[in-house]
């Protein structure tokens, strides 16, 4: 199961060997300065947005890999019936959201608290995730 750690000035989503194979990529690393907001979603499916792009997504079983939407790309490693830590990122990095399932609510709150304390550019204007921007309509 994936773990969220901070190492040097980075947030690292460490993937298990089988998650790396499923996602077709290694561990995900982003600068701590890119973290915009950290929230915990008790309902695992709320962490997913957009459509499956790469990796493996088995509805109701697991989703590991990238997801595409109108604002960019997200990375998710999500399992059902587990809380997820949602790490919103500023637009300067390849992903807009990292969504990681954790074992229980205690672990989710601990990981979120650690990231909130460590990240220098946290947006505290609202405690919940922001919706995706609506795409411009063609004229």
N, C-alpha and C. Protein backbone atom coordinates (compact mmCIF):
# COMPACT_ATOMS: atom_id res chain seq x y z
N UNK A 1 0.83 -1.18 0.00
CA UNK A 1 0.00 0.00 0.00
C UNK A 1 0.88 1.25 0.00
N UNK A 2 0.48 2.27 -0.75
CA UNK A 2 1.27 3.49 -0.87
C UNK A 2 1.36 4.24 0.45
N UNK A 3 2.47 4.96 0.64
CA UNK A 3 2.69 5.77 1.83
C UNK A 3 3.09 7.17 1.41
N UNK A 4 2.66 8.16 2.19
CA UNK A 4 3.03 9.54 1.94
C UNK A 4 4.13 9.90 2.94
N UNK A 5 5.26 10.38 2.44
CA UNK A 5 6.35 10.80 3.31
C UNK A 5 6.90 12.14 2.80
N UNK A 6 7.56 12.86 3.68
CA UNK A 6 8.28 14.05 3.26
C UNK A 6 9.76 13.74 3.38
N UNK A 7 10.49 14.05 2.33
CA UNK A 7 11.92 13.79 2.30
C UNK A 7 12.60 15.00 1.69
N UNK A 8 13.53 15.58 2.43
CA UNK A 8 14.17 16.84 2.03
C UNK A 8 13.06 17.88 1.86
N UNK A 9 12.94 18.47 0.70
CA UNK A 9 11.89 19.45 0.45
C UNK A 9 10.87 18.90 -0.54
N UNK A 10 10.56 17.61 -0.42
CA UNK A 10 9.63 16.97 -1.35
C UNK A 10 8.58 16.15 -0.61
N UNK A 11 7.42 16.03 -1.25
CA UNK A 11 6.41 15.07 -0.83
C UNK A 11 6.61 13.87 -1.73
N UNK A 12 6.72 12.70 -1.12
CA UNK A 12 6.94 11.49 -1.90
C UNK A 12 5.79 10.52 -1.62
N UNK A 13 5.14 10.06 -2.68
CA UNK A 13 4.15 8.99 -2.56
C UNK A 13 4.90 7.73 -2.93
N UNK A 14 5.26 6.94 -1.90
CA UNK A 14 6.01 5.70 -2.12
C UNK A 14 5.03 4.58 -2.45
N UNK A 15 5.25 3.99 -3.59
CA UNK A 15 4.38 2.92 -4.07
C UNK A 15 5.00 1.57 -3.78
N UNK A 16 4.15 0.60 -3.48
CA UNK A 16 4.61 -0.78 -3.35
C UNK A 16 5.02 -1.27 -4.74
N UNK A 17 5.78 -2.36 -4.80
CA UNK A 17 6.29 -2.83 -6.09
C UNK A 17 5.16 -3.13 -7.07
N UNK A 18 4.05 -3.70 -6.58
CA UNK A 18 2.95 -4.04 -7.48
C UNK A 18 2.19 -2.78 -7.91
N UNK A 19 2.18 -1.73 -7.08
CA UNK A 19 1.56 -0.47 -7.47
C UNK A 19 2.39 0.22 -8.55
N UNK A 20 3.71 0.11 -8.44
CA UNK A 20 4.58 0.67 -9.48
C UNK A 20 4.31 -0.02 -10.82
N UNK A 21 4.14 -1.33 -10.77
CA UNK A 21 3.86 -2.07 -12.00
C UNK A 21 2.49 -1.69 -12.56
N UNK A 22 1.49 -1.57 -11.68
CA UNK A 22 0.14 -1.22 -12.12
C UNK A 22 0.08 0.20 -12.68
N UNK A 23 0.76 1.13 -12.03
CA UNK A 23 0.75 2.53 -12.46
C UNK A 23 1.69 2.79 -13.62
N UNK A 24 2.61 1.84 -13.86
CA UNK A 24 3.64 1.99 -14.90
C UNK A 24 4.51 3.21 -14.65
N UNK A 25 4.89 3.41 -13.38
CA UNK A 25 5.77 4.51 -13.01
C UNK A 25 6.34 4.24 -11.63
N UNK A 26 7.34 5.01 -11.27
CA UNK A 26 7.94 4.89 -9.95
C UNK A 26 7.22 5.76 -8.94
N UNK A 27 7.88 6.00 -7.82
CA UNK A 27 7.32 6.85 -6.78
C UNK A 27 7.03 8.24 -7.35
N UNK A 28 6.00 8.89 -6.82
CA UNK A 28 5.62 10.23 -7.26
C UNK A 28 6.27 11.23 -6.31
N UNK A 29 6.95 12.22 -6.88
CA UNK A 29 7.63 13.24 -6.07
C UNK A 29 7.20 14.62 -6.55
N UNK A 30 6.85 15.48 -5.59
CA UNK A 30 6.54 16.87 -5.89
C UNK A 30 7.17 17.74 -4.81
N UNK A 31 7.54 18.97 -5.12
CA UNK A 31 8.12 19.85 -4.11
C UNK A 31 7.08 20.21 -3.04
N UNK A 32 7.52 20.33 -1.80
CA UNK A 32 6.62 20.75 -0.72
C UNK A 32 6.04 22.13 -1.01
N UNK A 33 6.78 22.98 -1.69
CA UNK A 33 6.29 24.31 -2.03
C UNK A 33 5.11 24.26 -2.99
N UNK A 34 4.90 23.14 -3.67
CA UNK A 34 3.79 23.01 -4.62
C UNK A 34 2.49 22.58 -3.95
N UNK A 35 2.53 22.21 -2.67
CA UNK A 35 1.33 21.75 -1.97
C UNK A 35 0.45 22.95 -1.66
N UNK A 36 -0.77 22.89 -2.15
CA UNK A 36 -1.73 24.00 -1.97
C UNK A 36 -2.67 23.76 -0.80
N UNK A 37 -3.22 22.57 -0.69
CA UNK A 37 -4.19 22.26 0.34
C UNK A 37 -4.18 20.75 0.57
N UNK A 38 -4.36 20.34 1.80
CA UNK A 38 -4.40 18.91 2.14
C UNK A 38 -5.71 18.63 2.87
N UNK A 39 -6.47 17.67 2.36
CA UNK A 39 -7.73 17.31 2.99
C UNK A 39 -7.82 15.80 3.12
N UNK A 40 -8.73 15.35 3.97
CA UNK A 40 -9.00 13.93 4.14
C UNK A 40 -10.44 13.67 3.71
N UNK A 41 -10.63 12.73 2.82
CA UNK A 41 -11.97 12.32 2.37
C UNK A 41 -12.27 10.96 2.96
N UNK A 42 -13.31 10.83 3.80
CA UNK A 42 -13.64 9.52 4.35
C UNK A 42 -14.22 8.57 3.29
N UNK A 43 -14.84 9.15 2.26
CA UNK A 43 -15.40 8.33 1.17
C UNK A 43 -14.38 8.26 0.04
N UNK A 44 -13.84 7.08 -0.20
CA UNK A 44 -12.73 6.90 -1.14
C UNK A 44 -13.04 7.40 -2.54
N UNK A 45 -14.26 7.24 -3.00
CA UNK A 45 -14.60 7.61 -4.38
C UNK A 45 -14.59 9.11 -4.60
N UNK A 46 -14.67 9.91 -3.54
CA UNK A 46 -14.65 11.36 -3.69
C UNK A 46 -13.26 11.88 -4.07
N UNK A 47 -12.26 11.07 -3.89
CA UNK A 47 -10.90 11.47 -4.27
C UNK A 47 -10.64 11.33 -5.75
N UNK A 48 -11.51 10.64 -6.46
CA UNK A 48 -11.31 10.43 -7.89
C UNK A 48 -12.07 11.46 -8.69
N UNK A 49 -11.43 12.01 -9.69
CA UNK A 49 -12.10 12.92 -10.60
C UNK A 49 -11.52 12.74 -11.98
N UNK A 50 -12.27 13.10 -12.99
CA UNK A 50 -11.82 12.93 -14.36
C UNK A 50 -11.99 11.50 -14.84
N UNK A 51 -11.29 11.18 -15.92
CA UNK A 51 -11.38 9.84 -16.50
C UNK A 51 -10.03 9.14 -16.44
N UNK A 52 -10.08 7.83 -16.41
CA UNK A 52 -8.87 7.01 -16.36
C UNK A 52 -8.00 7.32 -17.57
N UNK A 53 -6.70 7.51 -17.33
CA UNK A 53 -5.77 7.81 -18.41
C UNK A 53 -4.72 6.72 -18.56
N UNK A 54 -4.01 6.38 -17.48
CA UNK A 54 -3.03 5.30 -17.54
C UNK A 54 -2.98 4.59 -16.20
N UNK A 55 -2.46 3.38 -16.21
CA UNK A 55 -2.44 2.56 -15.00
C UNK A 55 -3.59 1.58 -15.04
N UNK A 56 -4.08 1.24 -13.86
CA UNK A 56 -5.18 0.27 -13.74
C UNK A 56 -6.32 0.90 -12.97
N UNK A 57 -7.52 0.76 -13.49
CA UNK A 57 -8.71 1.22 -12.79
C UNK A 57 -9.78 0.14 -12.92
N UNK A 58 -10.07 -0.52 -11.80
CA UNK A 58 -11.10 -1.55 -11.76
C UNK A 58 -12.22 -0.99 -10.88
N UNK A 59 -13.36 -0.61 -11.48
CA UNK A 59 -14.42 0.02 -10.70
C UNK A 59 -14.82 -0.80 -9.48
N UNK A 60 -14.84 -0.14 -8.33
CA UNK A 60 -15.22 -0.78 -7.07
C UNK A 60 -14.11 -1.60 -6.44
N UNK A 61 -12.95 -1.70 -7.09
CA UNK A 61 -11.86 -2.53 -6.55
C UNK A 61 -10.61 -1.71 -6.26
N UNK A 62 -10.11 -0.96 -7.24
CA UNK A 62 -8.94 -0.11 -7.04
C UNK A 62 -8.72 0.78 -8.25
N UNK A 63 -7.99 1.83 -8.02
CA UNK A 63 -7.61 2.75 -9.10
C UNK A 63 -6.19 3.22 -8.79
N UNK A 64 -5.26 2.87 -9.66
CA UNK A 64 -3.87 3.25 -9.50
C UNK A 64 -3.37 3.80 -10.83
N UNK A 65 -2.96 5.05 -10.83
CA UNK A 65 -2.44 5.64 -12.05
C UNK A 65 -2.90 7.07 -12.22
N UNK A 66 -2.87 7.53 -13.46
CA UNK A 66 -3.22 8.92 -13.73
C UNK A 66 -4.65 9.02 -14.24
N UNK A 67 -5.24 10.19 -13.97
CA UNK A 67 -6.60 10.51 -14.41
C UNK A 67 -6.55 11.88 -15.06
N UNK A 68 -7.26 12.02 -16.18
CA UNK A 68 -7.26 13.26 -16.95
C UNK A 68 -8.59 13.99 -16.76
N UNK A 69 -8.52 15.32 -16.67
CA UNK A 69 -9.71 16.17 -16.61
C UNK A 69 -9.37 17.51 -17.24
N UNK A 70 -10.36 18.41 -17.31
CA UNK A 70 -10.16 19.66 -18.04
C UNK A 70 -9.09 20.57 -17.44
N UNK A 71 -8.74 20.38 -16.17
CA UNK A 71 -7.71 21.23 -15.56
C UNK A 71 -6.33 20.60 -15.59
N UNK A 72 -6.20 19.37 -16.08
CA UNK A 72 -4.89 18.73 -16.14
C UNK A 72 -4.95 17.26 -15.78
N UNK A 73 -3.97 16.81 -14.98
CA UNK A 73 -3.86 15.40 -14.60
C UNK A 73 -3.81 15.26 -13.09
N UNK A 74 -4.36 14.15 -12.60
CA UNK A 74 -4.28 13.76 -11.19
C UNK A 74 -3.56 12.42 -11.12
N UNK A 75 -2.97 12.14 -9.96
CA UNK A 75 -2.42 10.81 -9.71
C UNK A 75 -3.18 10.23 -8.54
N UNK A 76 -3.66 9.00 -8.70
CA UNK A 76 -4.44 8.36 -7.64
C UNK A 76 -3.95 6.94 -7.37
N UNK A 77 -3.94 6.59 -6.11
CA UNK A 77 -3.76 5.20 -5.71
C UNK A 77 -4.81 4.97 -4.62
N UNK A 78 -5.96 4.49 -5.07
CA UNK A 78 -7.16 4.46 -4.24
C UNK A 78 -7.72 3.04 -4.15
N UNK A 79 -8.11 2.68 -2.92
CA UNK A 79 -8.79 1.41 -2.67
C UNK A 79 -10.13 1.69 -2.00
N UNK A 80 -11.14 0.90 -2.27
CA UNK A 80 -12.45 1.15 -1.66
C UNK A 80 -12.44 0.91 -0.14
N UNK A 81 -13.39 1.57 0.51
CA UNK A 81 -13.63 1.44 1.95
C UNK A 81 -12.44 1.87 2.80
N UNK A 82 -11.63 2.76 2.29
CA UNK A 82 -10.52 3.33 3.05
C UNK A 82 -10.52 4.84 2.84
N UNK A 83 -10.17 5.60 3.88
CA UNK A 83 -10.11 7.05 3.68
C UNK A 83 -8.95 7.41 2.76
N UNK A 84 -9.07 8.57 2.12
CA UNK A 84 -8.01 9.02 1.23
C UNK A 84 -7.50 10.40 1.66
N UNK A 85 -6.22 10.59 1.50
CA UNK A 85 -5.60 11.90 1.71
C UNK A 85 -5.49 12.54 0.33
N UNK A 86 -6.08 13.73 0.20
CA UNK A 86 -6.08 14.46 -1.06
C UNK A 86 -5.13 15.65 -0.94
N UNK A 87 -4.11 15.66 -1.78
CA UNK A 87 -3.10 16.72 -1.76
C UNK A 87 -3.28 17.55 -3.02
N UNK A 88 -3.89 18.72 -2.86
CA UNK A 88 -4.05 19.64 -3.99
C UNK A 88 -2.73 20.35 -4.22
N UNK A 89 -2.41 20.55 -5.49
CA UNK A 89 -1.13 21.15 -5.85
C UNK A 89 -1.34 22.42 -6.67
N UNK A 90 -0.40 23.35 -6.52
CA UNK A 90 -0.42 24.56 -7.34
C UNK A 90 -0.14 24.15 -8.79
N UNK A 91 -0.59 24.93 -9.77
CA UNK A 91 -0.45 24.55 -11.18
C UNK A 91 0.97 24.41 -11.71
N UNK A 92 1.99 24.68 -10.94
CA UNK A 92 3.37 24.63 -11.44
C UNK A 92 3.94 23.22 -11.57
N UNK A 93 3.21 22.20 -11.14
CA UNK A 93 3.71 20.82 -11.21
C UNK A 93 2.84 19.99 -12.16
N UNK A 94 3.30 18.82 -12.59
CA UNK A 94 2.54 18.03 -13.58
C UNK A 94 1.15 17.58 -13.12
N UNK A 95 0.97 17.34 -11.83
CA UNK A 95 -0.32 16.87 -11.33
C UNK A 95 -1.03 17.99 -10.60
N UNK A 96 -2.36 17.97 -10.62
CA UNK A 96 -3.15 18.94 -9.87
C UNK A 96 -3.61 18.38 -8.53
N UNK A 97 -3.65 17.03 -8.41
CA UNK A 97 -4.12 16.39 -7.19
C UNK A 97 -3.43 15.04 -7.04
N UNK A 98 -2.99 14.74 -5.82
CA UNK A 98 -2.50 13.41 -5.47
C UNK A 98 -3.51 12.83 -4.50
N UNK A 99 -4.04 11.66 -4.79
CA UNK A 99 -5.03 11.02 -3.93
C UNK A 99 -4.48 9.66 -3.51
N UNK A 100 -4.33 9.47 -2.20
CA UNK A 100 -3.70 8.25 -1.68
C UNK A 100 -4.56 7.63 -0.59
N UNK A 101 -4.95 6.37 -0.76
CA UNK A 101 -5.67 5.65 0.28
C UNK A 101 -4.73 5.30 1.42
N UNK A 102 -5.25 5.37 2.64
CA UNK A 102 -4.49 4.98 3.82
C UNK A 102 -5.33 3.99 4.62
N UNK A 103 -4.72 3.35 5.61
CA UNK A 103 -5.39 2.27 6.33
C UNK A 103 -6.63 2.70 7.12
N UNK A 104 -6.53 3.84 7.84
CA UNK A 104 -7.67 4.25 8.68
C UNK A 104 -7.67 5.77 8.85
N UNK A 105 -8.70 6.29 9.52
CA UNK A 105 -8.84 7.73 9.70
C UNK A 105 -7.68 8.32 10.50
N UNK A 106 -7.17 7.60 11.50
CA UNK A 106 -6.05 8.09 12.29
C UNK A 106 -4.81 8.32 11.44
N UNK A 107 -4.50 7.36 10.58
CA UNK A 107 -3.34 7.51 9.69
C UNK A 107 -3.57 8.65 8.70
N UNK A 108 -4.81 8.80 8.23
CA UNK A 108 -5.13 9.87 7.28
C UNK A 108 -4.93 11.24 7.92
N UNK A 109 -5.44 11.43 9.12
CA UNK A 109 -5.30 12.72 9.81
C UNK A 109 -3.84 13.00 10.16
N UNK A 110 -3.08 11.97 10.53
CA UNK A 110 -1.67 12.15 10.85
C UNK A 110 -0.88 12.59 9.61
N UNK A 111 -1.12 11.93 8.48
CA UNK A 111 -0.42 12.29 7.24
C UNK A 111 -0.80 13.70 6.79
N UNK A 112 -2.09 14.03 6.87
CA UNK A 112 -2.54 15.36 6.46
C UNK A 112 -1.94 16.44 7.38
N UNK A 113 -1.92 16.18 8.67
CA UNK A 113 -1.34 17.14 9.61
C UNK A 113 0.13 17.38 9.37
N UNK A 114 0.86 16.31 9.09
CA UNK A 114 2.29 16.42 8.80
C UNK A 114 2.53 17.30 7.57
N UNK A 115 1.75 17.07 6.52
CA UNK A 115 1.92 17.85 5.30
C UNK A 115 1.52 19.31 5.51
N UNK A 116 0.45 19.54 6.25
CA UNK A 116 0.03 20.93 6.51
C UNK A 116 1.10 21.71 7.27
N UNK A 117 1.78 21.05 8.20
CA UNK A 117 2.83 21.72 8.96
C UNK A 117 4.10 21.93 8.13
N UNK A 118 4.40 20.99 7.24
CA UNK A 118 5.66 21.03 6.49
C UNK A 118 5.60 21.92 5.25
N UNK A 119 4.43 22.02 4.62
CA UNK A 119 4.33 22.77 3.36
C UNK A 119 4.32 24.28 3.61
N UNK A 120 5.16 25.03 2.92
CA UNK A 120 5.26 26.48 3.18
C UNK A 120 4.16 27.32 2.53
N UNK A 121 3.52 26.82 1.47
CA UNK A 121 2.56 27.64 0.71
C UNK A 121 1.12 27.14 0.82
N UNK A 122 0.73 26.69 1.99
CA UNK A 122 -0.63 26.16 2.18
C UNK A 122 -1.65 27.30 2.08
N UNK A 123 -2.71 27.04 1.35
CA UNK A 123 -3.83 27.98 1.22
C UNK A 123 -4.84 27.63 2.32
N UNK A 124 -4.98 28.50 3.30
CA UNK A 124 -5.89 28.23 4.43
C UNK A 124 -7.21 28.96 4.28
N UNK A 125 -7.52 29.47 3.10
CA UNK A 125 -8.75 30.23 2.91
C UNK A 125 -9.99 29.37 3.06
N UNK A 126 -9.89 28.08 2.79
CA UNK A 126 -11.02 27.18 2.93
C UNK A 126 -10.51 25.80 3.32
N UNK A 127 -11.22 25.09 4.19
CA UNK A 127 -10.74 23.78 4.64
C UNK A 127 -11.09 22.61 3.72
N UNK A 128 -11.76 22.83 2.62
CA UNK A 128 -12.14 21.72 1.75
C UNK A 128 -11.55 21.90 0.36
N UNK A 129 -11.60 20.81 -0.40
CA UNK A 129 -11.06 20.84 -1.75
C UNK A 129 -11.87 21.75 -2.64
N UNK A 130 -11.21 22.34 -3.60
CA UNK A 130 -11.89 23.23 -4.53
C UNK A 130 -12.36 22.45 -5.75
N UNK A 131 -13.49 22.85 -6.35
CA UNK A 131 -13.97 22.15 -7.55
C UNK A 131 -13.06 22.42 -8.74
N UNK A 132 -13.19 21.59 -9.74
CA UNK A 132 -12.43 21.80 -10.97
C UNK A 132 -12.96 23.04 -11.68
N UNK A 133 -12.10 23.79 -12.32
CA UNK A 133 -12.59 24.96 -13.07
C UNK A 133 -13.42 24.50 -14.26
N UNK A 134 -14.42 25.30 -14.59
CA UNK A 134 -15.28 25.00 -15.73
C UNK A 134 -14.57 25.46 -16.99
N UNK A 135 -14.51 24.60 -18.02
CA UNK A 135 -13.82 25.02 -19.24
C UNK A 135 -14.59 26.14 -19.94
N UNK A 136 -13.85 26.98 -20.65
CA UNK A 136 -14.45 28.07 -21.41
C UNK A 136 -15.32 27.49 -22.52
N UNK A 137 -16.44 28.14 -22.78
CA UNK A 137 -17.30 27.70 -23.88
C UNK A 137 -16.82 28.32 -25.17
N UNK A 138 -16.82 27.53 -26.26
CA UNK A 138 -16.39 28.10 -27.54
C UNK A 138 -17.44 29.09 -28.06
N UNK A 139 -16.96 30.10 -28.76
CA UNK A 139 -17.89 31.11 -29.28
C UNK A 139 -18.46 30.72 -30.60
